[in-house]
Amino acid sequence: MDSPLQLDSGELTADEILAELRDGRRILVSVELLGSSKEISLRYDGETYYCDTPTQLHKHSDEEGMRDCITEMGYASQSP
């Protein structure tokens, strides 16, 4: 099993993050939340996309839902 890909928020575009998830990679994103650094876990099991935050587990049944989540939450950079 590959080690998780560790990123700072905004380091990759949504397309790049989704490509890594489709390839089976788990991604750990460091974000600033209420003045402290937190880690968000993103993963895909082949059926469901997961966004695990310190307070809630979000599940998305399709790629578009996951794209919206990571874009709205600021985990991805803007596409060039």
PDB file of N, CA and C in Angstrom:
ATOM      1  N   MET A   1       0.839  -1.184   0.000  1.00  0.00           N
ATOM      2  CA  MET A   1       0.000   0.000   0.000  1.00  0.00           C
ATOM      3  C   MET A   1       0.882   1.245   0.000  1.00  0.00           C
ATOM      4  N   ASP A   2       0.560   2.180  -0.882  1.00  0.00           N
ATOM      5  CA  ASP A   2       1.308   3.424  -0.946  1.00  0.00           C
ATOM      6  C   ASP A   2       1.059   4.266   0.299  1.00  0.00           C
ATOM      7  N   SER A   3       2.066   5.037   0.654  1.00  0.00           N
ATOM      8  CA  SER A   3       1.865   5.966   1.761  1.00  0.00           C
ATOM      9  C   SER A   3       0.984   7.111   1.266  1.00  0.00           C
ATOM     10  N   PRO A   4       0.244   7.746   2.170  1.00  0.00           N
ATOM     11  CA  PRO A   4      -0.633   8.845   1.762  1.00  0.00           C
ATOM     12  C   PRO A   4       0.167   9.997   1.151  1.00  0.00           C
ATOM     13  N   LEU A   5      -0.448  10.672   0.210  1.00  0.00           N
ATOM     14  CA  LEU A   5       0.115  11.879  -0.374  1.00  0.00           C
ATOM     15  C   LEU A   5      -0.213  13.024   0.571  1.00  0.00           C
ATOM     16  N   GLN A   6       0.804  13.737   1.047  1.00  0.00           N
ATOM     17  CA  GLN A   6       0.582  14.844   1.981  1.00  0.00           C
ATOM     18  C   GLN A   6       0.731  16.167   1.250  1.00  0.00           C
ATOM     19  N   LEU A   7      -0.298  17.020   1.386  1.00  0.00           N
ATOM     20  CA  LEU A   7      -0.360  18.297   0.679  1.00  0.00           C
ATOM     21  C   LEU A   7      -0.781  19.416   1.619  1.00  0.00           C
ATOM     22  N   ASP A   8      -0.446  20.631   1.225  1.00  0.00           N
ATOM     23  CA  ASP A   8      -1.047  21.812   1.835  1.00  0.00           C
ATOM     24  C   ASP A   8      -2.250  22.175   0.983  1.00  0.00           C
ATOM     25  N   SER A   9      -3.284  22.757   1.581  1.00  0.00           N
ATOM     26  CA  SER A   9      -4.457  23.144   0.793  1.00  0.00           C
ATOM     27  C   SER A   9      -4.020  24.094  -0.320  1.00  0.00           C
ATOM     28  N   GLY A  10      -4.612  23.903  -1.497  1.00  0.00           N
ATOM     29  CA  GLY A  10      -4.301  24.745  -2.642  1.00  0.00           C
ATOM     30  C   GLY A  10      -3.081  24.309  -3.434  1.00  0.00           C
ATOM     31  N   GLU A  11      -2.455  23.217  -3.039  1.00  0.00           N
ATOM     32  CA  GLU A  11      -1.242  22.770  -3.724  1.00  0.00           C
ATOM     33  C   GLU A  11      -1.535  22.111  -5.070  1.00  0.00           C
ATOM     34  N   LEU A  12      -2.664  21.410  -5.182  1.00  0.00           N
ATOM     35  CA  LEU A  12      -3.069  20.764  -6.431  1.00  0.00           C
ATOM     36  C   LEU A  12      -4.439  21.272  -6.850  1.00  0.00           C
ATOM     37  N   THR A  13      -4.755  21.133  -8.141  1.00  0.00           N
ATOM     38  CA  THR A  13      -6.093  21.472  -8.629  1.00  0.00           C
ATOM     39  C   THR A  13      -7.055  20.340  -8.271  1.00  0.00           C
ATOM     40  N   ALA A  14      -8.333  20.594  -8.400  1.00  0.00           N
ATOM     41  CA  ALA A  14      -9.337  19.558  -8.142  1.00  0.00           C
ATOM     42  C   ALA A  14      -9.127  18.368  -9.077  1.00  0.00           C
ATOM     43  N   ASP A  15      -8.823  18.628 -10.343  1.00  0.00           N
ATOM     44  CA  ASP A  15      -8.578  17.540 -11.298  1.00  0.00           C
ATOM     45  C   ASP A  15      -7.396  16.684 -10.874  1.00  0.00           C
ATOM     46  N   GLU A  16      -6.340  17.314 -10.398  1.00  0.00           N
ATOM     47  CA  GLU A  16      -5.158  16.563  -9.948  1.00  0.00           C
ATOM     48  C   GLU A  16      -5.468  15.729  -8.710  1.00  0.00           C
ATOM     49  N   ILE A  17      -6.217  16.291  -7.779  1.00  0.00           N
ATOM     50  CA  ILE A  17      -6.606  15.554  -6.570  1.00  0.00           C
ATOM     51  C   ILE A  17      -7.476  14.359  -6.947  1.00  0.00           C
ATOM     52  N   LEU A  18      -8.459  14.580  -7.802  1.00  0.00           N
ATOM     53  CA  LEU A  18      -9.348  13.495  -8.203  1.00  0.00           C
ATOM     54  C   LEU A  18      -8.595  12.389  -8.943  1.00  0.00           C
ATOM     55  N   ALA A  19      -7.632  12.748  -9.771  1.00  0.00           N
ATOM     56  CA  ALA A  19      -6.832  11.743 -10.478  1.00  0.00           C
ATOM     57  C   ALA A  19      -6.065  10.876  -9.482  1.00  0.00           C
ATOM     58  N   GLU A  20      -5.485  11.496  -8.457  1.00  0.00           N
ATOM     59  CA  GLU A  20      -4.767  10.736  -7.422  1.00  0.00           C
ATOM     60  C   GLU A  20      -5.716   9.797  -6.678  1.00  0.00           C
ATOM     61  N   LEU A  21      -6.915  10.288  -6.365  1.00  0.00           N
ATOM     62  CA  LEU A  21      -7.895   9.458  -5.658  1.00  0.00           C
ATOM     63  C   LEU A  21      -8.336   8.280  -6.528  1.00  0.00           C
ATOM     64  N   ARG A  22      -8.599   8.515  -7.812  1.00  0.00           N
ATOM     65  CA  ARG A  22      -8.994   7.434  -8.719  1.00  0.00           C
ATOM     66  C   ARG A  22      -7.899   6.380  -8.840  1.00  0.00           C
ATOM     67  N   ASP A  23      -6.653   6.810  -8.715  1.00  0.00           N
ATOM     68  CA  ASP A  23      -5.521   5.878  -8.781  1.00  0.00           C
ATOM     69  C   ASP A  23      -5.330   5.100  -7.473  1.00  0.00           C
ATOM     70  N   GLY A  24      -6.217   5.346  -6.498  1.00  0.00           N
ATOM     71  CA  GLY A  24      -6.161   4.602  -5.250  1.00  0.00           C
ATOM     72  C   GLY A  24      -5.332   5.253  -4.162  1.00  0.00           C
ATOM     73  N   ARG A  25      -4.918   6.469  -4.381  1.00  0.00           N
ATOM     74  CA  ARG A  25      -4.084   7.176  -3.414  1.00  0.00           C
ATOM     75  C   ARG A  25      -4.931   7.851  -2.352  1.00  0.00           C
ATOM     76  N   ARG A  26      -4.565   7.730  -1.117  1.00  0.00           N
ATOM     77  CA  ARG A  26      -5.180   8.489  -0.029  1.00  0.00           C
ATOM     78  C   ARG A  26      -4.423   9.808   0.073  1.00  0.00           C
ATOM     79  N   ILE A  27      -5.140  10.894   0.320  1.00  0.00           N
ATOM     80  CA  ILE A  27      -4.523  12.216   0.372  1.00  0.00           C
ATOM     81  C   ILE A  27      -4.795  12.850   1.731  1.00  0.00           C
ATOM     82  N   LEU A  28      -3.746  13.371   2.337  1.00  0.00           N
ATOM     83  CA  LEU A  28      -3.867  14.122   3.586  1.00  0.00           C
ATOM     84  C   LEU A  28      -3.586  15.585   3.265  1.00  0.00           C
ATOM     85  N   VAL A  29      -4.562  16.444   3.520  1.00  0.00           N
ATOM     86  CA  VAL A  29      -4.447  17.865   3.218  1.00  0.00           C
ATOM     87  C   VAL A  29      -4.350  18.645   4.519  1.00  0.00           C
ATOM     88  N   SER A  30      -3.309  19.454   4.652  1.00  0.00           N
ATOM     89  CA  SER A  30      -3.164  20.333   5.817  1.00  0.00           C
ATOM     90  C   SER A  30      -3.904  21.631   5.551  1.00  0.00           C
ATOM     91  N   VAL A  31      -4.783  22.013   6.477  1.00  0.00           N
ATOM     92  CA  VAL A  31      -5.570  23.237   6.349  1.00  0.00           C
ATOM     93  C   VAL A  31      -5.494  24.037   7.638  1.00  0.00           C
ATOM     94  N   GLU A  32      -5.675  25.333   7.522  1.00  0.00           N
ATOM     95  CA  GLU A  32      -5.776  26.194   8.700  1.00  0.00           C
ATOM     96  C   GLU A  32      -7.242  26.274   9.098  1.00  0.00           C
ATOM     97  N   LEU A  33      -7.527  25.938  10.340  1.00  0.00           N
ATOM     98  CA  LEU A  33      -8.894  25.947  10.832  1.00  0.00           C
ATOM     99  C   LEU A  33      -8.907  26.566  12.221  1.00  0.00           C
ATOM    100  N   LEU A  34      -9.550  27.706  12.345  1.00  0.00           N
ATOM    101  CA  LEU A  34      -9.657  28.410  13.621  1.00  0.00           C
ATOM    102  C   LEU A  34      -8.297  28.656  14.268  1.00  0.00           C
ATOM    103  N   GLY A  35      -7.337  29.052  13.441  1.00  0.00           N
ATOM    104  CA  GLY A  35      -6.030  29.425  13.949  1.00  0.00           C
ATOM    105  C   GLY A  35      -5.058  28.287  14.185  1.00  0.00           C
ATOM    106  N   SER A  36      -5.450  27.076  13.858  1.00  0.00           N
ATOM    107  CA  SER A  36      -4.515  25.957  14.021  1.00  0.00           C
ATOM    108  C   SER A  36      -4.546  25.068  12.774  1.00  0.00           C
ATOM    109  N   SER A  37      -3.485  24.317  12.608  1.00  0.00           N
ATOM    110  CA  SER A  37      -3.367  23.433  11.457  1.00  0.00           C
ATOM    111  C   SER A  37      -4.074  22.111  11.744  1.00  0.00           C
ATOM    112  N   LYS A  38      -4.916  21.691  10.805  1.00  0.00           N
ATOM    113  CA  LYS A  38      -5.645  20.421  10.915  1.00  0.00           C
ATOM    114  C   LYS A  38      -5.374  19.606   9.656  1.00  0.00           C
ATOM    115  N   GLU A  39      -5.599  18.302   9.752  1.00  0.00           N
ATOM    116  CA  GLU A  39      -5.390  17.420   8.625  1.00  0.00           C
ATOM    117  C   GLU A  39      -6.721  16.825   8.177  1.00  0.00           C
ATOM    118  N   ILE A  40      -6.973  16.919   6.873  1.00  0.00           N
ATOM    119  CA  ILE A  40      -8.168  16.374   6.247  1.00  0.00           C
ATOM    120  C   ILE A  40      -7.746  15.165   5.431  1.00  0.00           C
ATOM    121  N   SER A  41      -8.487  14.078   5.532  1.00  0.00           N
ATOM    122  CA  SER A  41      -8.179  12.873   4.769  1.00  0.00           C
ATOM    123  C   SER A  41      -9.178  12.735   3.621  1.00  0.00           C
ATOM    124  N   LEU A  42      -8.663  12.572   2.406  1.00  0.00           N
ATOM    125  CA  LEU A  42      -9.487  12.357   1.221  1.00  0.00           C
ATOM    126  C   LEU A  42      -9.175  10.965   0.689  1.00  0.00           C
ATOM    127  N   ARG A  43     -10.218  10.208   0.325  1.00  0.00           N
ATOM    128  CA  ARG A  43      -9.978   8.870  -0.215  1.00  0.00           C
ATOM    129  C   ARG A  43     -11.155   8.436  -1.074  1.00  0.00           C
ATOM    130  N   TYR A  44     -10.922   7.393  -1.852  1.00  0.00           N
ATOM    131  CA  TYR A  44     -11.930   6.840  -2.746  1.00  0.00           C
ATOM    132  C   TYR A  44     -11.806   5.324  -2.701  1.00  0.00           C
ATOM    133  N   ASP A  45     -12.902   4.628  -2.473  1.00  0.00           N
ATOM    134  CA  ASP A  45     -12.847   3.167  -2.369  1.00  0.00           C
ATOM    135  C   ASP A  45     -13.302   2.459  -3.643  1.00  0.00           C
ATOM    136  N   GLY A  46     -13.426   3.216  -4.736  1.00  0.00           N
ATOM    137  CA  GLY A  46     -13.890   2.649  -5.991  1.00  0.00           C
ATOM    138  C   GLY A  46     -15.382   2.828  -6.199  1.00  0.00           C
ATOM    139  N   GLU A  47     -16.061   3.239  -5.129  1.00  0.00           N
ATOM    140  CA  GLU A  47     -17.503   3.440  -5.186  1.00  0.00           C
ATOM    141  C   GLU A  47     -17.920   4.775  -4.580  1.00  0.00           C
ATOM    142  N   THR A  48     -17.316   5.111  -3.448  1.00  0.00           N
ATOM    143  CA  THR A  48     -17.670   6.312  -2.692  1.00  0.00           C
ATOM    144  C   THR A  48     -16.423   7.134  -2.415  1.00  0.00           C
ATOM    145  N   TYR A  49     -16.568   8.462  -2.537  1.00  0.00           N
ATOM    146  CA  TYR A  49     -15.496   9.392  -2.178  1.00  0.00           C
ATOM    147  C   TYR A  49     -15.721   9.825  -0.732  1.00  0.00           C
ATOM    148  N   TYR A  50     -14.640   9.934   0.038  1.00  0.00           N
ATOM    149  CA  TYR A  50     -14.722  10.315   1.448  1.00  0.00           C
ATOM    150  C   TYR A  50     -13.856  11.551   1.709  1.00  0.00           C
ATOM    151  N   CYS A  51     -14.386  12.446   2.506  1.00  0.00           N
ATOM    152  CA  CYS A  51     -13.670  13.634   2.967  1.00  0.00           C
ATOM    153  C   CYS A  51     -13.829  13.644   4.487  1.00  0.00           C
ATOM    154  N   ASP A  52     -12.774  13.234   5.180  1.00  0.00           N
ATOM    155  CA  ASP A  52     -12.831  13.051   6.629  1.00  0.00           C
ATOM    156  C   ASP A  52     -12.161  14.238   7.311  1.00  0.00           C
ATOM    157  N   THR A  53     -12.981  15.079   7.943  1.00  0.00           N
ATOM    158  CA  THR A  53     -12.485  16.263   8.641  1.00  0.00           C
ATOM    159  C   THR A  53     -12.438  15.966  10.140  1.00  0.00           C
ATOM    160  N   PRO A  54     -11.835  16.852  10.936  1.00  0.00           N
ATOM    161  CA  PRO A  54     -11.807  16.612  12.389  1.00  0.00           C
ATOM    162  C   PRO A  54     -13.195  16.548  13.031  1.00  0.00           C
ATOM    163  N   THR A  55     -14.204  17.098  12.365  1.00  0.00           N
ATOM    164  CA  THR A  55     -15.533  17.129  12.978  1.00  0.00           C
ATOM    165  C   THR A  55     -16.593  16.324  12.240  1.00  0.00           C
ATOM    166  N   GLN A  56     -16.324  15.925  10.976  1.00  0.00           N
ATOM    167  CA  GLN A  56     -17.368  15.266  10.203  1.00  0.00           C
ATOM    168  C   GLN A  56     -16.780  14.433   9.065  1.00  0.00           C
ATOM    169  N   LEU A  57     -17.457  13.357   8.729  1.00  0.00           N
ATOM    170  CA  LEU A  57     -17.106  12.539   7.578  1.00  0.00           C
ATOM    171  C   LEU A  57     -18.117  12.832   6.479  1.00  0.00           C
ATOM    172  N   HIS A  58     -17.645  13.417   5.375  1.00  0.00           N
ATOM    173  CA  HIS A  58     -18.506  13.680   4.221  1.00  0.00           C
ATOM    174  C   HIS A  58     -18.352  12.517   3.259  1.00  0.00           C
ATOM    175  N   LYS A  59     -19.456  12.043   2.678  1.00  0.00           N
ATOM    176  CA  LYS A  59     -19.423  10.999   1.663  1.00  0.00           C
ATOM    177  C   LYS A  59     -20.052  11.547   0.391  1.00  0.00           C
ATOM    178  N   HIS A  60     -19.438  11.214  -0.731  1.00  0.00           N
ATOM    179  CA  HIS A  60     -19.948  11.657  -2.031  1.00  0.00           C
ATOM    180  C   HIS A  60     -20.036  10.451  -2.942  1.00  0.00           C
ATOM    181  N   SER A  61     -21.187  10.286  -3.579  1.00  0.00           N
ATOM    182  CA  SER A  61     -21.418   9.109  -4.406  1.00  0.00           C
ATOM    183  C   SER A  61     -20.837   9.240  -5.805  1.00  0.00           C
ATOM    184  N   ASP A  62     -20.465  10.475  -6.189  1.00  0.00           N
ATOM    185  CA  ASP A  62     -19.891  10.643  -7.525  1.00  0.00           C
ATOM    186  C   ASP A  62     -18.765  11.679  -7.507  1.00  0.00           C
ATOM    187  N   GLU A  63     -18.022  11.682  -8.602  1.00  0.00           N
ATOM    188  CA  GLU A  63     -16.856  12.567  -8.712  1.00  0.00           C
ATOM    189  C   GLU A  63     -17.242  14.040  -8.659  1.00  0.00           C
ATOM    190  N   GLU A  64     -18.376  14.381  -9.248  1.00  0.00           N
ATOM    191  CA  GLU A  64     -18.804  15.781  -9.265  1.00  0.00           C
ATOM    192  C   GLU A  64     -19.078  16.295  -7.855  1.00  0.00           C
ATOM    193  N   GLY A  65     -19.686  15.467  -7.014  1.00  0.00           N
ATOM    194  CA  GLY A  65     -19.926  15.854  -5.625  1.00  0.00           C
ATOM    195  C   GLY A  65     -18.629  16.069  -4.872  1.00  0.00           C
ATOM    196  N   MET A  66     -17.647  15.202  -5.110  1.00  0.00           N
ATOM    197  CA  MET A  66     -16.345  15.349  -4.455  1.00  0.00           C
ATOM    198  C   MET A  66     -15.634  16.595  -4.972  1.00  0.00           C
ATOM    199  N   ARG A  67     -15.710  16.842  -6.277  1.00  0.00           N
ATOM    200  CA  ARG A  67     -15.093  18.038  -6.858  1.00  0.00           C
ATOM    201  C   ARG A  67     -15.676  19.302  -6.211  1.00  0.00           C
ATOM    202  N   ASP A  68     -16.995  19.342  -6.088  1.00  0.00           N
ATOM    203  CA  ASP A  68     -17.644  20.496  -5.463  1.00  0.00           C
ATOM    204  C   ASP A  68     -17.163  20.682  -4.024  1.00  0.00           C
ATOM    205  N   CYS A  69     -17.055  19.585  -3.277  1.00  0.00           N
ATOM    206  CA  CYS A  69     -16.632  19.646  -1.875  1.00  0.00           C
ATOM    207  C   CYS A  69     -15.208  20.190  -1.747  1.00  0.00           C
ATOM    208  N   ILE A  70     -14.269  19.598  -2.484  1.00  0.00           N
ATOM    209  CA  ILE A  70     -12.877  20.027  -2.322  1.00  0.00           C
ATOM    210  C   ILE A  70     -12.642  21.436  -2.861  1.00  0.00           C
ATOM    211  N   THR A  71     -13.454  21.844  -3.827  1.00  0.00           N
ATOM    212  CA  THR A  71     -13.338  23.205  -4.350  1.00  0.00           C
ATOM    213  C   THR A  71     -13.923  24.214  -3.359  1.00  0.00           C
ATOM    214  N   GLU A  72     -15.138  23.936  -2.879  1.00  0.00           N
ATOM    215  CA  GLU A  72     -15.816  24.848  -1.947  1.00  0.00           C
ATOM    216  C   GLU A  72     -15.062  24.979  -0.624  1.00  0.00           C
ATOM    217  N   MET A  73     -14.435  23.893  -0.171  1.00  0.00           N
ATOM    218  CA  MET A  73     -13.724  23.916   1.105  1.00  0.00           C
ATOM    219  C   MET A  73     -12.315  24.497   0.980  1.00  0.00           C
ATOM    220  N   GLY A  74     -11.872  24.758  -0.248  1.00  0.00           N
ATOM    221  CA  GLY A  74     -10.560  25.376  -0.446  1.00  0.00           C
ATOM    222  C   GLY A  74      -9.405  24.404  -0.403  1.00  0.00           C
ATOM    223  N   TYR A  75      -9.665  23.102  -0.538  1.00  0.00           N
ATOM    224  CA  TYR A  75      -8.581  22.126  -0.508  1.00  0.00           C
ATOM    225  C   TYR A  75      -7.791  22.130  -1.807  1.00  0.00           C
ATOM    226  N   ALA A  76      -8.436  22.533  -2.907  1.00  0.00           N
ATOM    227  CA  ALA A  76      -7.797  22.553  -4.220  1.00  0.00           C
ATOM    228  C   ALA A  76      -7.480  23.974  -4.652  1.00  0.00           C
ATOM    229  N   SER A  77      -6.460  24.091  -5.518  1.00  0.00           N
ATOM    230  CA  SER A  77      -6.152  25.395  -6.117  1.00  0.00           C
ATOM    231  C   SER A  77      -7.131  25.627  -7.268  1.00  0.00           C
ATOM    232  N   GLN A  78      -7.166  26.834  -7.743  1.00  0.00           N
ATOM    233  CA  GLN A  78      -7.981  27.149  -8.908  1.00  0.00           C
ATOM    234  C   GLN A  78      -7.327  26.562 -10.144  1.00  0.00           C
ATOM    235  N   SER A  79      -8.112  26.014 -11.054  1.00  0.00           N
ATOM    236  CA  SER A  79      -7.571  25.474 -12.303  1.00  0.00           C
ATOM    237  C   SER A  79      -6.949  26.607 -13.103  1.00  0.00           C
ATOM    238  N   PRO A  80      -5.820  26.307 -13.770  1.00  0.00           N
ATOM    239  CA  PRO A  80      -5.154  27.358 -14.554  1.00  0.00           C
ATOM    240  C   PRO A  80      -5.977  27.807 -15.726  1.00  0.00           C
TER     241      PRO A  80
END
